[in-house]
Amino acid sequence: MSDIINLKQFKKRKARASKEVEASANRVLFGRTKAEKSFDKTQSEKDERFLEQNKLEPRNTGSSEAETE
């Protein structure tokens, strides 16, 4: 004969196991420290400023624009 299994306990163990798997995945995705987040934010702001300062503007030649219109 086999052992008697309580289905409520079995379902609870299964639910806990699936929650643990999901939690470990979330730790990898969202488990960054405050310092890491602020460093990334500062770095992205610095990169945006650099790109904005070095953006190339199109030349304005008055005679060629008047001819195309």
N, C-alpha and C. Protein backbone atom coordinates (compact mmCIF):
# COMPACT_ATOMS: atom_id res chain seq x y z
N MET A 1 0.82 -1.19 0.00
CA MET A 1 0.00 0.00 0.00
C MET A 1 0.86 1.25 0.00
N SER A 2 0.30 2.32 -0.52
CA SER A 2 1.03 3.57 -0.55
C SER A 2 0.64 4.43 0.65
N ASP A 3 1.44 5.45 0.87
CA ASP A 3 1.17 6.36 1.99
C ASP A 3 0.00 7.28 1.66
N ILE A 4 -0.67 7.71 2.69
CA ILE A 4 -1.78 8.64 2.55
C ILE A 4 -1.20 10.05 2.39
N ILE A 5 -1.73 10.76 1.40
CA ILE A 5 -1.22 12.11 1.10
C ILE A 5 -2.34 13.12 1.33
N ASN A 6 -2.03 14.13 2.08
CA ASN A 6 -2.99 15.20 2.30
C ASN A 6 -2.89 16.16 1.11
N LEU A 7 -3.96 16.29 0.33
CA LEU A 7 -3.93 17.09 -0.89
C LEU A 7 -3.75 18.58 -0.61
N LYS A 8 -4.31 19.06 0.51
CA LYS A 8 -4.14 20.47 0.85
C LYS A 8 -2.67 20.81 1.05
N GLN A 9 -1.98 19.95 1.79
CA GLN A 9 -0.55 20.18 2.03
C GLN A 9 0.24 20.07 0.73
N PHE A 10 -0.13 19.14 -0.11
CA PHE A 10 0.55 18.96 -1.40
C PHE A 10 0.41 20.21 -2.26
N LYS A 11 -0.83 20.75 -2.33
CA LYS A 11 -1.08 21.95 -3.13
C LYS A 11 -0.32 23.14 -2.57
N LYS A 12 -0.28 23.27 -1.23
CA LYS A 12 0.45 24.38 -0.61
C LYS A 12 1.94 24.29 -0.90
N ARG A 13 2.51 23.09 -0.82
CA ARG A 13 3.94 22.91 -1.12
C ARG A 13 4.24 23.27 -2.57
N LYS A 14 3.36 22.86 -3.46
CA LYS A 14 3.54 23.14 -4.88
C LYS A 14 3.46 24.65 -5.14
N ALA A 15 2.50 25.32 -4.50
CA ALA A 15 2.35 26.77 -4.67
C ALA A 15 3.57 27.51 -4.12
N ARG A 16 4.08 27.07 -2.95
CA ARG A 16 5.27 27.70 -2.38
C ARG A 16 6.47 27.54 -3.30
N ALA A 17 6.61 26.38 -3.88
CA ALA A 17 7.74 26.11 -4.79
C ALA A 17 7.66 27.01 -6.03
N SER A 18 6.48 27.16 -6.59
CA SER A 18 6.34 28.00 -7.78
C SER A 18 6.57 29.48 -7.44
N LYS A 19 6.11 29.90 -6.25
CA LYS A 19 6.35 31.28 -5.83
C LYS A 19 7.84 31.53 -5.62
N GLU A 20 8.54 30.55 -5.09
CA GLU A 20 9.98 30.69 -4.87
C GLU A 20 10.73 30.83 -6.19
N VAL A 21 10.32 30.08 -7.19
CA VAL A 21 10.95 30.18 -8.51
C VAL A 21 10.72 31.58 -9.09
N GLU A 22 9.49 32.07 -8.98
CA GLU A 22 9.16 33.41 -9.47
C GLU A 22 9.93 34.48 -8.70
N ALA A 23 10.04 34.32 -7.40
CA ALA A 23 10.76 35.29 -6.58
C ALA A 23 12.24 35.33 -6.94
N SER A 24 12.83 34.19 -7.20
CA SER A 24 14.26 34.19 -7.58
C SER A 24 14.47 34.87 -8.92
N ALA A 25 13.52 34.70 -9.84
CA ALA A 25 13.62 35.39 -11.13
C ALA A 25 13.49 36.90 -10.94
N ASN A 26 12.58 37.34 -10.07
CA ASN A 26 12.41 38.77 -9.81
C ASN A 26 13.63 39.36 -9.12
N ARG A 27 14.28 38.58 -8.26
CA ARG A 27 15.49 39.07 -7.60
C ARG A 27 16.57 39.40 -8.61
N VAL A 28 16.66 38.58 -9.64
CA VAL A 28 17.65 38.82 -10.68
C VAL A 28 17.29 40.08 -11.48
N LEU A 29 16.01 40.23 -11.82
CA LEU A 29 15.59 41.35 -12.64
C LEU A 29 15.59 42.68 -11.88
N PHE A 30 15.05 42.68 -10.68
CA PHE A 30 14.80 43.92 -9.96
C PHE A 30 15.67 44.11 -8.72
N GLY A 31 16.53 43.19 -8.42
CA GLY A 31 17.28 43.23 -7.17
C GLY A 31 18.57 44.03 -7.25
N ARG A 32 18.47 45.27 -7.70
CA ARG A 32 19.65 46.12 -7.75
C ARG A 32 19.65 47.05 -6.56
N THR A 33 20.84 47.41 -6.11
CA THR A 33 20.94 48.30 -4.96
C THR A 33 20.63 49.73 -5.38
N LYS A 34 20.39 50.57 -4.40
CA LYS A 34 20.09 51.97 -4.66
C LYS A 34 21.28 52.65 -5.34
N ALA A 35 22.48 52.27 -4.93
CA ALA A 35 23.69 52.85 -5.52
C ALA A 35 23.80 52.49 -7.00
N GLU A 36 23.49 51.25 -7.34
CA GLU A 36 23.54 50.83 -8.74
C GLU A 36 22.51 51.59 -9.58
N LYS A 37 21.31 51.76 -9.03
CA LYS A 37 20.27 52.49 -9.75
C LYS A 37 20.67 53.95 -9.96
N SER A 38 21.19 54.60 -8.92
CA SER A 38 21.56 56.01 -9.05
C SER A 38 22.75 56.17 -10.00
N PHE A 39 23.69 55.22 -9.99
CA PHE A 39 24.83 55.28 -10.91
C PHE A 39 24.34 55.19 -12.36
N ASP A 40 23.43 54.26 -12.64
CA ASP A 40 22.91 54.11 -13.99
C ASP A 40 22.14 55.35 -14.43
N LYS A 41 21.38 55.94 -13.51
CA LYS A 41 20.63 57.15 -13.84
C LYS A 41 21.59 58.30 -14.15
N THR A 42 22.61 58.47 -13.33
CA THR A 42 23.59 59.53 -13.54
C THR A 42 24.32 59.32 -14.86
N GLN A 43 24.69 58.09 -15.15
CA GLN A 43 25.42 57.77 -16.38
C GLN A 43 24.55 58.07 -17.60
N SER A 44 23.27 57.71 -17.56
CA SER A 44 22.40 57.97 -18.71
C SER A 44 22.19 59.46 -18.91
N GLU A 45 22.06 60.22 -17.82
CA GLU A 45 21.92 61.68 -17.94
C GLU A 45 23.18 62.29 -18.54
N LYS A 46 24.33 61.79 -18.12
CA LYS A 46 25.60 62.28 -18.65
C LYS A 46 25.70 61.98 -20.16
N ASP A 47 25.30 60.79 -20.55
CA ASP A 47 25.33 60.41 -21.96
C ASP A 47 24.39 61.29 -22.79
N GLU A 48 23.20 61.56 -22.26
CA GLU A 48 22.24 62.41 -22.97
C GLU A 48 22.79 63.82 -23.15
N ARG A 49 23.41 64.39 -22.09
CA ARG A 49 24.01 65.72 -22.20
C ARG A 49 25.11 65.74 -23.25
N PHE A 50 25.94 64.71 -23.26
CA PHE A 50 27.03 64.63 -24.22
C PHE A 50 26.49 64.61 -25.65
N LEU A 51 25.47 63.80 -25.90
CA LEU A 51 24.89 63.73 -27.23
C LEU A 51 24.25 65.05 -27.64
N GLU A 52 23.57 65.69 -26.70
CA GLU A 52 22.92 66.97 -26.99
C GLU A 52 23.96 68.05 -27.33
N GLN A 53 25.06 68.06 -26.62
CA GLN A 53 26.10 69.06 -26.85
C GLN A 53 26.82 68.82 -28.17
N ASN A 54 26.91 67.58 -28.62
CA ASN A 54 27.65 67.26 -29.83
C ASN A 54 26.76 66.97 -31.02
N LYS A 55 25.52 67.39 -30.93
CA LYS A 55 24.59 67.16 -32.02
C LYS A 55 24.96 68.06 -33.20
N LEU A 56 24.96 67.49 -34.39
CA LEU A 56 25.26 68.26 -35.59
C LEU A 56 23.98 68.92 -36.10
N GLU A 57 24.08 70.19 -36.37
CA GLU A 57 22.95 70.94 -36.91
C GLU A 57 23.13 71.04 -38.43
N PRO A 58 22.04 70.96 -39.19
CA PRO A 58 22.16 71.13 -40.64
C PRO A 58 22.53 72.56 -40.99
N ARG A 59 23.34 72.70 -42.04
CA ARG A 59 23.75 74.05 -42.46
C ARG A 59 22.59 74.78 -43.11
N ASN A 60 22.50 76.06 -42.83
CA ASN A 60 21.48 76.90 -43.45
C ASN A 60 22.13 77.70 -44.57
N THR A 61 21.83 77.33 -45.78
CA THR A 61 22.30 78.10 -46.93
C THR A 61 21.08 78.76 -47.52
N GLY A 62 21.00 80.07 -47.43
CA GLY A 62 19.83 80.83 -47.83
C GLY A 62 19.48 80.66 -49.29
N SER A 63 20.44 80.61 -50.19
CA SER A 63 20.14 80.54 -51.62
C SER A 63 19.56 79.19 -52.03
N SER A 64 20.06 78.09 -51.46
CA SER A 64 19.56 76.77 -51.86
C SER A 64 18.16 76.51 -51.32
N GLU A 65 17.82 77.03 -50.16
CA GLU A 65 16.48 76.85 -49.61
C GLU A 65 15.46 77.62 -50.43
N ALA A 66 15.81 78.81 -50.85
CA ALA A 66 14.88 79.63 -51.62
C ALA A 66 14.61 78.98 -52.98
N GLU A 67 15.60 78.32 -53.55
CA GLU A 67 15.42 77.68 -54.85
C GLU A 67 14.54 76.43 -54.76
N THR A 68 14.60 75.72 -53.63
CA THR A 68 13.82 74.48 -53.50
C THR A 68 12.37 74.75 -53.21
N GLU A 69 12.04 75.89 -52.68
CA GLU A 69 10.64 76.19 -52.34
C GLU A 69 9.88 76.60 -53.50
